[in-house]
Amino acid sequence: MAAPMDSSVTTDIGWRFDNSYARLPQRLFAQARPAYASAPRVMLLNTGLADALGLSLGALSPDGAAALFSGQAIPAGAQPIAQAYAGHQFGGFTMLGDGRAILLGEHLAPDGSRVDIQFKGSGQTPYSRRGDGRAALGPMLREFVISEAMHALGIPTTRSLAVVATGDPVYREERLKGAVLTRVAASHLRVGTFEFLAAHGDHVALRALADYTIKRHYPAAANAANPYLAFYQAVLERQMALIVQWQLVGFVHGVMNTDNMSIAGETIDYGPCAFMDRYDPGAVFSSIDAYGRYAYDQQPLIAQWNLARFADALLPLLDPVPDKAIELATEVLSSAGARFDAHWLAGMRAKLGLSNAMPGDDELARELFMWMHTAAADFTNTFRALATGDAALLAPASDQRFAAWHARWRGRIAAEGVSLETAQQRMRAASPVIIPRNQRVEETLAAAEQDDMTVMHRLLEALATPYDDRPRDAAYLSPAPEDSERYRTFCGT
């Protein structure tokens, strides 16, 4: 049942909708309405994000906020639609679309930015493919926590504005509480959006989509001799930089399908994902990634594979001669590895307190990771200990391998003519104290299921300043016990 228009509550909190995506070819979307929620109740509101968007949440009553963010009251100017797209999911191509998400509209923020406001878990759409279109409370709260943690870490990401419990159950392996997440994104344009039109052979709409995306996200490409090639190059550059930022904090995205690769260069879809405790290059947290396709050390290669699929979709626009189009795309794609390596080494220099490039820096960084793997060292705490002078806590004096590396690292800092203390100041700005530790996230979700949100609020407060050392946050620094079960996350569909 679609949600009725509710005129008894205000939704006028400063919305400025201008829904440009809905002016693209009709093939790219379908009209949709959020489903009925029997007893919506606000679980989380992101007042800081709302303020940045120019939205006055204080103008809402509790019932008004619940009605708005569950889709029961549609604000003026909104134009709810579900977006169509395709995707390579674990390597297999599928025609998809928003099966449990509805784009409420595009809001114009005070800083001039345009952002998508999307409901996730708001019921069936024309693309639901026999699914119920609903979401469970736990996964929606989890996306709120992880996406806001990523934002605080300085990593480009979609963000979370609200989570509302619907009052209605959803059924997976068990009966769960239903919920709707309000997601904010630069856009929801994906590699899979372009694949969708390419699969239909609709080159007219493909060109319209590319022109639209260039105007919205990469306006400089419009002035290039070949705008579509410049567009492809810019997307590739942004994606390589993004994956490096994930790697530098030990984040593992569980579903790097092409429908989860944002053209805007933001992290999107926080279903089966997690941060590492002990460093393991083969770390996988997704319950459905049985063969490690999206493991930590595979992320750069998968990003390149996805970008190759993006190139496939763009070929008709790159050059009218197919062989020439392939040649152009291949030349850009072949640079992806070098771009990744350059971003990664720059990031590692920051984490190691190095400001200049010198021969041997790459080897120095990789030797540290090899030791971390052998020693099962905690990813986050290793870099923070180096940054705070607590390196003695990382390894016993008898660990000659670490001692040799540490001496070499100290010598490398000295070669720059700066003090260790100066280098460590740089390091503390690049190495967080706090990440959303898996056991802490699970504790907050368990408490929320019992209607106790205090645990969640304490965690969110700690995650908001991840680079600050604060004694009160000490409980969030410890990894899971070594004998704990291997952590698994689920997509919630």
Protein backbone atom coordinates (compact mmCIF):
# COMPACT_ATOMS: atom_id res chain seq x y z
CA MET A 1 0.00 0.00 0.00
CA ALA A 2 1.40 3.40 -0.97
CA ALA A 3 1.73 6.07 1.69
CA PRO A 4 -1.10 8.58 1.74
CA MET A 5 -0.48 12.30 1.61
CA ASP A 6 -0.60 13.52 5.19
CA SER A 7 -1.53 17.19 5.48
CA SER A 8 -1.64 17.18 9.28
CA VAL A 9 2.13 17.58 9.72
CA THR A 10 4.55 20.16 8.38
CA THR A 11 7.34 19.15 6.02
CA ASP A 12 8.42 22.73 5.32
CA ILE A 13 11.89 22.67 6.87
CA GLY A 14 13.71 24.54 4.11
CA TRP A 15 13.51 22.09 1.23
CA ARG A 16 14.64 23.45 -2.14
CA PHE A 17 13.92 20.71 -4.63
CA ASP A 18 15.00 20.83 -8.27
CA ASN A 19 14.66 17.34 -9.69
CA SER A 20 16.90 17.31 -12.74
CA TYR A 21 17.29 13.52 -12.96
CA ALA A 22 13.54 13.21 -13.53
CA ARG A 23 13.98 15.31 -16.68
CA LEU A 24 16.22 12.68 -18.25
CA PRO A 25 14.79 10.04 -20.65
CA GLN A 26 11.90 8.13 -19.09
CA ARG A 27 13.72 4.82 -19.51
CA LEU A 28 15.95 5.77 -16.59
CA PHE A 29 13.32 5.85 -13.86
CA ALA A 30 9.78 5.02 -12.82
CA GLN A 31 7.33 6.85 -10.59
CA ALA A 32 7.18 5.38 -7.09
CA ARG A 33 5.58 6.09 -3.73
CA PRO A 34 6.84 5.15 -0.27
CA ALA A 35 4.85 2.39 1.37
CA TYR A 36 2.52 2.81 4.33
CA ALA A 37 4.15 2.69 7.77
CA SER A 38 1.77 1.84 10.60
CA ALA A 39 3.62 3.45 13.50
CA PRO A 40 6.69 5.41 12.36
CA ARG A 41 9.07 6.49 15.11
CA VAL A 42 12.34 8.40 14.80
CA MET A 43 15.40 6.47 15.94
CA LEU A 44 18.16 8.82 14.75
CA LEU A 45 18.32 12.32 13.28
CA ASN A 46 21.53 13.86 11.95
CA THR A 47 21.17 17.47 13.04
CA GLY A 48 24.67 18.44 11.92
CA LEU A 49 24.05 17.23 8.37
CA ALA A 50 20.62 18.86 8.36
CA ASP A 51 22.15 22.18 9.35
CA ALA A 52 24.71 21.92 6.55
CA LEU A 53 21.86 21.27 4.10
CA GLY A 54 19.94 24.29 5.36
CA LEU A 55 17.18 22.11 6.83
CA SER A 56 15.56 23.14 10.11
CA LEU A 57 14.76 19.90 11.90
CA GLY A 58 13.66 21.95 14.89
CA ALA A 59 10.56 22.93 12.92
CA LEU A 60 9.39 19.32 13.06
CA SER A 61 7.41 17.74 15.86
CA PRO A 62 8.38 14.15 16.72
CA ASP A 63 5.35 12.93 14.77
CA GLY A 64 6.19 15.26 11.90
CA ALA A 65 9.76 13.99 11.69
CA ALA A 66 8.53 10.39 11.77
CA ALA A 67 5.99 11.07 9.03
CA LEU A 68 8.51 12.90 6.85
CA PHE A 69 11.38 10.44 7.12
CA SER A 70 9.20 7.37 6.70
CA GLY A 71 7.67 8.77 3.52
CA GLN A 72 4.20 9.27 4.98
CA ALA A 73 4.26 13.01 4.27
CA ILE A 74 5.82 14.05 0.95
CA PRO A 75 7.24 17.60 1.01
CA ALA A 76 6.31 20.16 -1.61
CA GLY A 77 8.60 20.04 -4.63
CA ALA A 78 9.60 16.41 -4.17
CA GLN A 79 9.11 14.01 -7.07
CA PRO A 80 9.50 10.45 -5.80
CA ILE A 81 10.99 8.04 -8.34
CA ALA A 82 12.88 4.77 -8.44
CA GLN A 83 15.99 4.76 -10.61
CA ALA A 84 16.77 2.11 -13.20
CA TYR A 85 20.25 0.68 -13.56
CA ALA A 86 22.08 -2.56 -14.26
CA GLY A 87 25.11 -4.08 -12.63
CA HIS A 88 27.75 -6.74 -12.63
CA GLN A 89 27.10 -8.51 -9.34
CA PHE A 90 30.01 -10.76 -8.39
CA GLY A 91 30.95 -10.71 -12.06
CA GLY A 92 27.53 -11.57 -13.53
CA PHE A 93 25.51 -8.98 -15.43
CA THR A 94 21.95 -8.28 -14.24
CA MET A 95 19.30 -5.69 -15.02
CA LEU A 96 18.43 -4.03 -11.75
CA GLY A 97 17.00 -0.79 -10.39
CA ASP A 98 15.98 0.62 -7.02
CA GLY A 99 14.21 -2.37 -5.54
CA ARG A 100 13.90 -0.94 -2.05
CA ALA A 101 14.84 2.71 -2.50
CA ILE A 102 13.00 5.81 -3.66
CA LEU A 103 14.64 9.06 -4.68
CA LEU A 104 12.58 11.73 -2.98
CA GLY A 105 14.23 14.48 -5.00
CA GLU A 106 17.30 16.68 -5.36
CA HIS A 107 17.80 19.33 -2.71
CA LEU A 108 19.83 22.50 -3.32
CA ALA A 109 21.97 23.22 -0.26
CA PRO A 110 23.03 26.71 0.88
CA ASP A 111 26.57 26.14 -0.41
CA GLY A 112 25.20 25.63 -3.92
CA SER A 113 25.63 21.86 -3.96
CA ARG A 114 22.93 19.56 -5.28
CA VAL A 115 22.26 16.41 -3.27
CA ASP A 116 19.97 13.44 -3.67
CA ILE A 117 17.57 12.72 -0.83
CA GLN A 118 16.74 9.03 -0.95
CA PHE A 119 14.62 6.72 1.18
CA LYS A 120 16.05 3.22 1.63
CA GLY A 121 13.68 0.49 2.81
CA SER A 122 10.58 2.41 1.80
CA GLY A 123 8.72 -0.40 0.08
CA GLN A 124 8.26 -1.97 -3.32
CA THR A 125 9.01 -0.23 -6.60
CA PRO A 126 8.65 -1.35 -10.23
CA TYR A 127 12.18 -2.77 -9.88
CA SER A 128 11.69 -4.82 -6.71
CA ARG A 129 12.03 -8.17 -8.52
CA ARG A 130 9.74 -10.07 -6.13
CA GLY A 131 11.36 -8.43 -3.08
CA ASP A 132 9.36 -6.69 -0.38
CA GLY A 133 11.24 -3.40 -0.75
CA ARG A 134 11.63 -3.17 3.01
CA ALA A 135 14.67 -2.83 5.25
CA ALA A 136 15.35 -4.02 8.77
CA LEU A 137 16.25 -1.66 11.57
CA GLY A 138 19.69 -3.12 12.29
CA PRO A 139 21.19 -2.68 8.80
CA MET A 140 19.79 0.85 8.50
CA LEU A 141 21.29 1.88 11.83
CA ARG A 142 24.53 0.24 10.77
CA GLU A 143 24.65 2.28 7.57
CA PHE A 144 24.07 5.43 9.60
CA VAL A 145 27.01 4.60 11.90
CA ILE A 146 29.48 3.51 9.22
CA SER A 147 28.69 6.27 6.73
CA GLU A 148 29.01 8.97 9.37
CA ALA A 149 32.27 7.42 10.58
CA MET A 150 33.61 7.51 7.04
CA HIS A 151 32.62 11.16 6.70
CA ALA A 152 34.43 12.02 9.93
CA LEU A 153 37.51 10.19 8.64
CA GLY A 154 37.48 12.49 5.60
CA ILE A 155 36.54 9.80 3.09
CA PRO A 156 34.03 10.73 0.36
CA THR A 157 30.78 9.02 1.22
CA THR A 158 27.03 9.07 1.05
CA ARG A 159 25.63 10.19 4.38
CA SER A 160 22.68 9.41 6.61
CA LEU A 161 20.11 12.01 7.61
CA ALA A 162 17.61 9.90 9.56
CA VAL A 163 16.52 6.42 10.55
CA VAL A 164 12.85 5.81 11.32
CA ALA A 165 11.38 2.56 12.61
CA THR A 166 8.20 1.84 10.66
CA GLY A 167 6.32 -0.14 13.27
CA ASP A 168 5.96 -2.98 10.75
CA PRO A 169 7.88 -6.26 10.67
CA VAL A 170 10.10 -7.48 7.88
CA TYR A 171 10.84 -11.15 7.37
CA ARG A 172 14.27 -12.50 6.52
CA GLU A 173 15.57 -15.58 8.30
CA GLU A 174 13.56 -14.26 11.23
CA ARG A 175 11.04 -11.56 12.07
CA LEU A 176 12.76 -8.17 12.31
CA LYS A 177 11.78 -4.58 12.96
CA GLY A 178 11.26 -2.54 9.79
CA ALA A 179 12.96 0.81 9.19
CA VAL A 180 13.63 3.50 6.60
CA LEU A 181 16.99 5.23 6.17
CA THR A 182 17.18 8.68 4.58
CA ARG A 183 20.38 8.77 2.55
CA VAL A 184 22.07 11.90 1.20
CA ALA A 185 24.38 11.61 -1.80
CA ALA A 186 26.04 13.83 -4.37
CA SER A 187 23.98 11.65 -6.70
CA HIS A 188 23.00 8.03 -7.14
CA LEU A 189 24.51 7.78 -10.62
CA ARG A 190 26.43 4.53 -10.88
CA VAL A 191 28.55 2.63 -13.36
CA GLY A 192 25.47 0.41 -13.60
CA THR A 193 23.33 3.35 -14.74
CA PHE A 194 25.46 3.62 -17.86
CA GLU A 195 25.54 -0.16 -18.27
CA PHE A 196 21.74 -0.16 -18.24
CA LEU A 197 21.47 2.12 -21.28
CA ALA A 198 24.33 0.40 -23.09
CA ALA A 199 22.61 -2.95 -22.63
CA HIS A 200 19.48 -1.50 -24.22
CA GLY A 201 21.53 -0.10 -27.09
CA ASP A 202 20.02 3.32 -26.42
CA HIS A 203 22.89 5.55 -27.49
CA VAL A 204 20.74 8.68 -27.58
CA ALA A 205 19.83 8.30 -23.91
CA LEU A 206 23.41 7.24 -23.13
CA ARG A 207 24.72 10.50 -24.53
CA ALA A 208 22.07 12.47 -22.65
CA LEU A 209 23.05 10.72 -19.40
CA ALA A 210 26.75 11.36 -20.00
CA ASP A 211 26.13 15.04 -20.76
CA TYR A 212 24.01 15.32 -17.64
CA THR A 213 26.66 13.65 -15.46
CA ILE A 214 29.45 15.81 -16.85
CA LYS A 215 27.45 18.94 -16.12
CA ARG A 216 26.57 17.76 -12.62
CA HIS A 217 29.87 16.26 -11.48
CA TYR A 218 32.71 16.93 -13.94
CA PRO A 219 32.05 20.27 -15.65
CA ALA A 220 35.71 20.72 -16.61
CA ALA A 221 35.43 17.71 -18.92
CA ALA A 222 32.96 19.60 -21.10
CA ASN A 223 35.78 21.83 -22.35
CA ALA A 224 38.06 18.95 -23.38
CA ALA A 225 38.68 17.99 -27.00
CA ASN A 226 36.95 14.68 -26.26
CA PRO A 227 34.59 15.41 -23.34
CA TYR A 228 33.54 11.78 -22.86
CA LEU A 229 37.13 10.55 -22.69
CA ALA A 230 37.97 13.32 -20.23
CA PHE A 231 34.91 12.30 -18.22
CA TYR A 232 36.05 8.69 -18.13
CA GLN A 233 39.54 9.74 -17.07
CA ALA A 234 38.17 11.94 -14.28
CA VAL A 235 35.93 9.16 -12.93
CA LEU A 236 38.87 6.74 -12.97
CA GLU A 237 41.08 9.19 -11.10
CA ARG A 238 38.43 9.82 -8.45
CA GLN A 239 37.77 6.10 -7.96
CA MET A 240 41.45 5.22 -7.57
CA ALA A 241 41.82 7.97 -4.96
CA LEU A 242 38.73 6.70 -3.12
CA ILE A 243 39.90 3.09 -2.93
CA VAL A 244 43.25 4.26 -1.55
CA GLN A 245 41.45 6.16 1.20
CA TRP A 246 39.59 2.95 2.11
CA GLN A 247 42.82 0.99 2.18
CA LEU A 248 44.60 3.49 4.42
CA VAL A 249 42.07 2.99 7.22
CA GLY A 250 41.60 -0.76 6.77
CA PHE A 251 38.06 -0.57 5.34
CA VAL A 252 36.65 -3.49 3.36
CA HIS A 253 33.62 -2.86 1.14
CA GLY A 254 31.67 -6.07 0.88
CA VAL A 255 29.80 -5.57 -2.40
CA MET A 256 31.90 -3.72 -4.96
CA ASN A 257 29.46 -4.54 -7.74
CA THR A 258 29.26 -2.04 -10.60
CA ASP A 259 25.85 -0.89 -9.35
CA ASN A 260 27.62 0.10 -6.11
CA MET A 261 30.31 2.20 -7.77
CA SER A 262 29.24 5.83 -7.63
CA ILE A 263 30.12 8.00 -10.60
CA ALA A 264 30.46 10.89 -8.13
CA GLY A 265 33.29 9.05 -6.36
CA GLU A 266 31.53 8.49 -3.06
CA THR A 267 31.40 5.33 -0.98
CA ILE A 268 27.91 3.89 -1.36
CA ASP A 269 26.11 0.88 0.11
CA TYR A 270 27.13 -0.02 3.65
CA GLY A 271 25.65 -3.48 3.78
CA PRO A 272 28.30 -6.18 4.25
CA CYS A 273 31.32 -4.03 5.04
CA ALA A 274 33.63 -3.57 8.01
CA PHE A 275 36.95 -2.22 9.26
CA MET A 276 39.76 -4.63 10.00
CA ASP A 277 41.05 -5.21 13.49
CA ARG A 278 44.11 -7.41 12.91
CA TYR A 279 45.68 -6.75 9.53
CA ASP A 280 44.86 -9.41 6.97
CA PRO A 281 45.26 -8.64 3.25
CA GLY A 282 42.67 -11.30 2.47
CA ALA A 283 40.07 -9.95 4.91
CA VAL A 284 36.46 -10.53 3.85
CA PHE A 285 33.46 -9.68 6.03
CA SER A 286 30.57 -10.26 3.64
CA SER A 287 28.54 -13.39 4.28
CA ILE A 288 27.92 -13.78 0.54
CA ASP A 289 31.49 -13.30 -0.71
CA ALA A 290 32.46 -16.94 -0.43
CA TYR A 291 35.50 -16.71 -2.72
CA GLY A 292 36.94 -13.40 -1.57
CA ARG A 293 36.21 -11.47 -4.75
CA TYR A 294 35.99 -8.24 -2.76
CA ALA A 295 38.67 -8.96 -0.16
CA TYR A 296 40.81 -6.10 1.12
CA ASP A 297 43.74 -6.78 -1.20
CA GLN A 298 41.44 -7.26 -4.20
CA GLN A 299 39.75 -3.87 -3.95
CA PRO A 300 42.13 -1.99 -6.30
CA LEU A 301 41.86 -4.71 -8.94
CA ILE A 302 38.08 -4.89 -8.66
CA ALA A 303 37.85 -1.12 -9.01
CA GLN A 304 39.80 -1.42 -12.25
CA TRP A 305 37.56 -4.27 -13.42
CA ASN A 306 34.51 -2.13 -12.73
CA LEU A 307 36.05 0.79 -14.58
CA ALA A 308 36.63 -1.49 -17.56
CA ARG A 309 32.89 -2.22 -17.57
CA PHE A 310 32.27 1.53 -17.42
CA ALA A 311 34.51 1.94 -20.45
CA ASP A 312 32.54 -0.76 -22.27
CA ALA A 313 29.36 1.24 -21.73
CA LEU A 314 30.96 4.51 -22.88
CA LEU A 315 32.57 3.15 -26.08
CA PRO A 316 29.86 4.49 -28.44
CA LEU A 317 30.57 7.99 -27.13
CA LEU A 318 34.37 7.86 -27.13
CA ASP A 319 34.76 7.53 -30.90
CA PRO A 320 32.51 6.52 -33.81
CA VAL A 321 35.13 3.98 -34.91
CA PRO A 322 34.88 1.04 -32.47
CA ASP A 323 38.56 0.09 -32.63
CA LYS A 324 39.59 3.67 -31.96
CA ALA A 325 37.15 3.91 -29.03
CA ILE A 326 38.66 0.76 -27.52
CA GLU A 327 42.16 2.12 -28.01
CA LEU A 328 41.28 5.38 -26.24
CA ALA A 329 39.58 3.64 -23.32
CA THR A 330 42.38 1.11 -22.95
CA GLU A 331 45.01 3.83 -22.76
CA VAL A 332 43.17 5.55 -19.90
CA LEU A 333 42.39 2.30 -18.09
CA SER A 334 46.01 1.18 -18.30
CA SER A 335 46.94 4.15 -16.12
CA ALA A 336 44.72 3.03 -13.23
CA GLY A 337 47.35 0.95 -11.47
CA ALA A 338 49.93 3.72 -11.54
CA ARG A 339 47.35 6.23 -10.32
CA PHE A 340 46.45 3.95 -7.43
CA ASP A 341 50.10 3.39 -6.53
CA ALA A 342 50.82 7.12 -6.54
CA HIS A 343 47.87 7.89 -4.25
CA TRP A 344 48.72 4.96 -1.98
CA LEU A 345 52.36 5.91 -1.57
CA ALA A 346 51.45 9.54 -0.88
CA GLY A 347 49.00 8.36 1.78
CA MET A 348 51.53 6.00 3.32
CA ARG A 349 54.13 8.74 3.49
CA ALA A 350 51.63 10.78 5.52
CA LYS A 351 50.93 7.84 7.82
CA LEU A 352 54.67 7.35 8.33
CA GLY A 353 55.38 11.05 8.90
CA LEU A 354 57.32 11.57 5.67
CA SER A 355 56.95 14.82 3.75
CA ASN A 356 59.43 14.22 0.90
CA ALA A 357 59.65 11.46 -1.67
CA MET A 358 62.78 9.34 -1.47
CA PRO A 359 63.80 6.05 -3.09
CA GLY A 360 62.83 3.06 -0.99
CA ASP A 361 59.67 4.59 0.51
CA ASP A 362 57.42 2.04 -1.15
CA GLU A 363 59.52 -0.84 0.15
CA LEU A 364 59.58 0.69 3.64
CA ALA A 365 55.77 0.88 3.72
CA ARG A 366 55.23 -2.61 2.33
CA GLU A 367 57.69 -4.16 4.77
CA LEU A 368 55.65 -2.74 7.62
CA PHE A 369 52.50 -4.38 6.24
CA MET A 370 54.30 -7.70 5.86
CA TRP A 371 55.33 -7.53 9.50
CA MET A 372 51.79 -6.54 10.54
CA HIS A 373 50.40 -9.59 8.75
CA THR A 374 52.91 -11.97 10.31
CA ALA A 375 52.41 -10.50 13.77
CA ALA A 376 48.61 -10.24 13.41
CA ALA A 377 48.98 -6.61 14.45
CA ASP A 378 45.96 -4.37 14.79
CA PHE A 379 45.71 -2.09 11.75
CA THR A 380 44.52 1.09 13.43
CA ASN A 381 46.48 0.75 16.66
CA THR A 382 49.75 0.02 14.83
CA PHE A 383 49.79 3.34 13.01
CA ARG A 384 48.54 5.26 16.02
CA ALA A 385 51.24 3.76 18.24
CA LEU A 386 53.90 4.84 15.75
CA ALA A 387 52.35 8.31 15.71
CA THR A 388 52.31 8.67 19.49
CA GLY A 389 55.67 7.12 20.31
CA ASP A 390 54.21 3.92 21.75
CA ALA A 391 55.92 1.65 19.24
CA ALA A 392 57.34 -0.46 22.07
CA LEU A 393 53.80 -1.69 22.67
CA LEU A 394 53.62 -3.16 19.17
CA ALA A 395 56.26 -5.87 19.45
CA PRO A 396 58.50 -7.44 22.09
CA ALA A 397 62.15 -6.48 22.14
CA SER A 398 62.95 -9.93 20.80
CA ASP A 399 61.15 -9.20 17.53
CA GLN A 400 64.22 -8.45 15.45
CA ARG A 401 62.22 -7.98 12.26
CA PHE A 402 60.19 -5.12 13.74
CA ALA A 403 63.24 -3.65 15.44
CA ALA A 404 65.10 -3.52 12.13
CA TRP A 405 62.15 -1.92 10.39
CA HIS A 406 61.69 0.62 13.17
CA ALA A 407 65.35 1.63 13.02
CA ARG A 408 65.13 2.04 9.27
CA TRP A 409 61.99 4.16 9.62
CA ARG A 410 63.65 6.39 12.24
CA GLY A 411 66.59 6.82 9.90
CA ARG A 412 64.28 7.74 7.03
CA ILE A 413 62.67 10.48 9.15
CA ALA A 414 66.09 11.77 10.19
CA ALA A 415 67.08 11.97 6.51
CA GLU A 416 64.46 14.71 6.10
CA GLY A 417 66.14 16.79 8.78
CA VAL A 418 63.09 16.92 11.04
CA SER A 419 62.52 15.68 14.55
CA LEU A 420 60.55 12.55 15.31
CA GLU A 421 58.04 14.72 17.17
CA THR A 422 57.42 16.83 14.06
CA ALA A 423 56.92 13.71 11.95
CA GLN A 424 54.54 12.26 14.50
CA GLN A 425 52.38 15.37 14.38
CA ARG A 426 51.86 14.67 10.68
CA MET A 427 51.15 11.04 11.41
CA ARG A 428 48.45 11.78 13.97
CA ALA A 429 46.56 13.77 11.33
CA ALA A 430 46.62 10.74 9.00
CA SER A 431 46.05 7.87 11.43
CA PRO A 432 42.75 7.75 13.34
CA VAL A 433 42.46 6.74 16.97
CA ILE A 434 38.91 5.50 16.60
CA ILE A 435 37.16 3.46 13.92
CA PRO A 436 33.78 1.74 14.22
CA ARG A 437 35.10 -1.46 15.77
CA ASN A 438 32.92 -4.37 14.78
CA GLN A 439 32.09 -5.54 18.29
CA ARG A 440 31.16 -1.99 19.32
CA VAL A 441 28.86 -1.58 16.34
CA GLU A 442 27.15 -4.86 17.19
CA GLU A 443 26.70 -3.77 20.80
CA THR A 444 24.96 -0.59 19.68
CA LEU A 445 22.67 -2.48 17.33
CA ALA A 446 21.74 -4.99 20.00
CA ALA A 447 20.89 -2.17 22.41
CA ALA A 448 18.85 -0.35 19.75
CA GLU A 449 16.78 -3.47 19.17
CA GLN A 450 15.79 -3.12 22.84
CA ASP A 451 14.97 0.59 22.29
CA ASP A 452 18.12 1.73 24.09
CA MET A 453 19.73 4.36 21.85
CA THR A 454 22.17 5.69 24.47
CA VAL A 455 24.86 3.20 23.41
CA MET A 456 24.46 4.33 19.81
CA HIS A 457 24.71 8.01 20.68
CA ARG A 458 27.90 7.47 22.70
CA LEU A 459 29.50 5.60 19.80
CA LEU A 460 28.48 8.26 17.28
CA GLU A 461 29.93 10.98 19.51
CA ALA A 462 33.27 9.15 19.68
CA LEU A 463 33.34 8.48 15.94
CA ALA A 464 32.72 12.16 15.14
CA THR A 465 36.30 13.08 16.13
CA PRO A 466 38.33 10.03 15.08
CA TYR A 467 41.75 11.71 15.20
CA ASP A 468 41.44 13.04 18.75
CA ASP A 469 42.95 11.25 21.75
CA ARG A 470 40.38 11.40 24.53
CA PRO A 471 40.59 9.24 27.67
CA ARG A 472 36.80 8.86 27.75
CA ASP A 473 36.94 7.04 24.40
CA ALA A 474 39.37 4.35 25.58
CA ALA A 475 36.69 1.66 25.41
CA TYR A 476 36.47 2.10 21.64
CA LEU A 477 40.16 1.46 20.95
CA SER A 478 40.48 -2.25 21.67
CA PRO A 479 40.10 -4.85 18.92
CA ALA A 480 37.94 -7.91 19.32
CA PRO A 481 39.48 -10.71 21.42
CA GLU A 482 41.73 -13.04 19.46
CA ASP A 483 39.46 -16.00 20.15
CA SER A 484 36.32 -14.23 18.93
CA GLU A 485 34.42 -15.68 15.99
CA ARG A 486 35.21 -14.42 12.52
CA TYR A 487 33.10 -11.33 11.91
CA ARG A 488 30.37 -11.53 9.28
CA THR A 489 28.06 -8.87 7.90
CA PHE A 490 24.91 -9.16 5.82
CA CYS A 491 23.23 -7.04 3.15
CA GLY A 492 19.78 -7.18 4.78
CA THR A 493 17.79 -7.89 1.64
